[in-house]
Amino acid sequence: MNDNLGPDTFSHQKPSQVDRSQFMADIDLRETAVRAVTKPESLTMGEIQEVAWAFLLRLKRER
């Protein structure tokens, strides 16, 4: 198994497909995060976990 994932690793996917799906996922996550702060009682357990994982991954990247 090659652990060196370079920029061409996912070259079989069109950039627009990858960019759009990531963009939409980011928007959904932001909306969920805003609800977590403004109306936490409206969140499902899955949404709480999603926001928590995103927060932890961001902390890891910033280190």
C-alpha atoms as a PDB file:
ATOM      1  CA  MET A   1       0.000   0.000   0.000  1.00  0.00           C
ATOM      2  CA  ASN A   2       1.310   3.428  -0.911  1.00  0.00           C
ATOM      3  CA  ASP A   3       0.999   5.915   1.933  1.00  0.00           C
ATOM      4  CA  ASN A   4       2.202   8.813  -0.204  1.00  0.00           C
ATOM      5  CA  LEU A   5      -1.022  10.363  -1.375  1.00  0.00           C
ATOM      6  CA  GLY A   6      -0.100  13.149  -3.712  1.00  0.00           C
ATOM      7  CA  PRO A   7      -2.206  15.675  -5.593  1.00  0.00           C
ATOM      8  CA  ASP A   8      -2.858  13.187  -8.429  1.00  0.00           C
ATOM      9  CA  THR A   9      -4.240  10.489  -6.155  1.00  0.00           C
ATOM     10  CA  PHE A  10      -7.838  11.371  -6.971  1.00  0.00           C
ATOM     11  CA  SER A  11      -7.232  12.611 -10.512  1.00  0.00           C
ATOM     12  CA  HIS A  12      -9.927  10.260 -11.860  1.00  0.00           C
ATOM     13  CA  GLN A  13     -12.544  12.565 -10.320  1.00  0.00           C
ATOM     14  CA  LYS A  14     -13.405  15.818 -11.981  1.00  0.00           C
ATOM     15  CA  PRO A  15     -12.320  18.772  -9.810  1.00  0.00           C
ATOM     16  CA  SER A  16     -15.733  20.375 -10.135  1.00  0.00           C
ATOM     17  CA  GLN A  17     -17.430  17.278  -8.687  1.00  0.00           C
ATOM     18  CA  VAL A  18     -15.038  17.090  -5.756  1.00  0.00           C
ATOM     19  CA  ASP A  19     -15.105  20.840  -5.110  1.00  0.00           C
ATOM     20  CA  ARG A  20     -18.893  21.086  -5.263  1.00  0.00           C
ATOM     21  CA  SER A  21     -19.544  18.129  -2.982  1.00  0.00           C
ATOM     22  CA  GLN A  22     -16.977  19.367  -0.456  1.00  0.00           C
ATOM     23  CA  PHE A  23     -18.427  22.872  -0.661  1.00  0.00           C
ATOM     24  CA  MET A  24     -21.951  21.577   0.016  1.00  0.00           C
ATOM     25  CA  ALA A  25     -20.719  19.426   2.906  1.00  0.00           C
ATOM     26  CA  ASP A  26     -18.966  22.460   4.397  1.00  0.00           C
ATOM     27  CA  ILE A  27     -22.140  24.547   4.135  1.00  0.00           C
ATOM     28  CA  ASP A  28     -24.216  21.819   5.795  1.00  0.00           C
ATOM     29  CA  LEU A  29     -21.671  21.522   8.589  1.00  0.00           C
ATOM     30  CA  ARG A  30     -21.598  25.297   9.136  1.00  0.00           C
ATOM     31  CA  GLU A  31     -25.388  25.433   9.328  1.00  0.00           C
ATOM     32  CA  THR A  32     -25.362  22.586  11.849  1.00  0.00           C
ATOM     33  CA  ALA A  33     -22.639  24.299  13.883  1.00  0.00           C
ATOM     34  CA  VAL A  34     -24.663  27.525  13.989  1.00  0.00           C
ATOM     35  CA  ARG A  35     -27.688  25.575  15.217  1.00  0.00           C
ATOM     36  CA  ALA A  36     -25.471  23.914  17.846  1.00  0.00           C
ATOM     37  CA  VAL A  37     -24.810  27.350  19.305  1.00  0.00           C
ATOM     38  CA  THR A  38     -28.167  29.033  18.772  1.00  0.00           C
ATOM     39  CA  LYS A  39     -30.602  26.149  19.257  1.00  0.00           C
ATOM     40  CA  PRO A  40     -28.786  23.076  20.612  1.00  0.00           C
ATOM     41  CA  GLU A  41     -31.986  21.269  21.563  1.00  0.00           C
ATOM     42  CA  SER A  42     -32.877  20.965  17.860  1.00  0.00           C
ATOM     43  CA  LEU A  43     -29.841  18.811  17.016  1.00  0.00           C
ATOM     44  CA  THR A  44     -29.921  15.076  16.538  1.00  0.00           C
ATOM     45  CA  MET A  45     -27.224  12.868  18.046  1.00  0.00           C
ATOM     46  CA  GLY A  46     -25.734  12.371  14.577  1.00  0.00           C
ATOM     47  CA  GLU A  47     -25.463  16.117  14.022  1.00  0.00           C
ATOM     48  CA  ILE A  48     -23.798  16.586  17.413  1.00  0.00           C
ATOM     49  CA  GLN A  49     -21.252  13.904  16.537  1.00  0.00           C
ATOM     50  CA  GLU A  50     -20.627  15.458  13.116  1.00  0.00           C
ATOM     51  CA  VAL A  51     -19.897  18.882  14.611  1.00  0.00           C
ATOM     52  CA  ALA A  52     -17.696  17.362  17.321  1.00  0.00           C
ATOM     53  CA  TRP A  53     -15.618  15.371  14.812  1.00  0.00           C
ATOM     54  CA  ALA A  54     -15.193  18.398  12.551  1.00  0.00           C
ATOM     55  CA  PHE A  55     -14.035  20.453  15.525  1.00  0.00           C
ATOM     56  CA  LEU A  56     -11.530  17.780  16.593  1.00  0.00           C
ATOM     57  CA  LEU A  57     -10.169  17.406  13.056  1.00  0.00           C
ATOM     58  CA  ARG A  58      -9.717  21.158  12.792  1.00  0.00           C
ATOM     59  CA  LEU A  59      -7.818  21.218  16.095  1.00  0.00           C
ATOM     60  CA  LYS A  60      -5.581  18.414  14.859  1.00  0.00           C
ATOM     61  CA  ARG A  61      -4.834  20.276  11.587  1.00  0.00           C
ATOM     62  CA  GLU A  62      -3.938  23.469  13.448  1.00  0.00           C
ATOM     63  CA  ARG A  63      -1.347  21.739  15.632  1.00  0.00           C
END
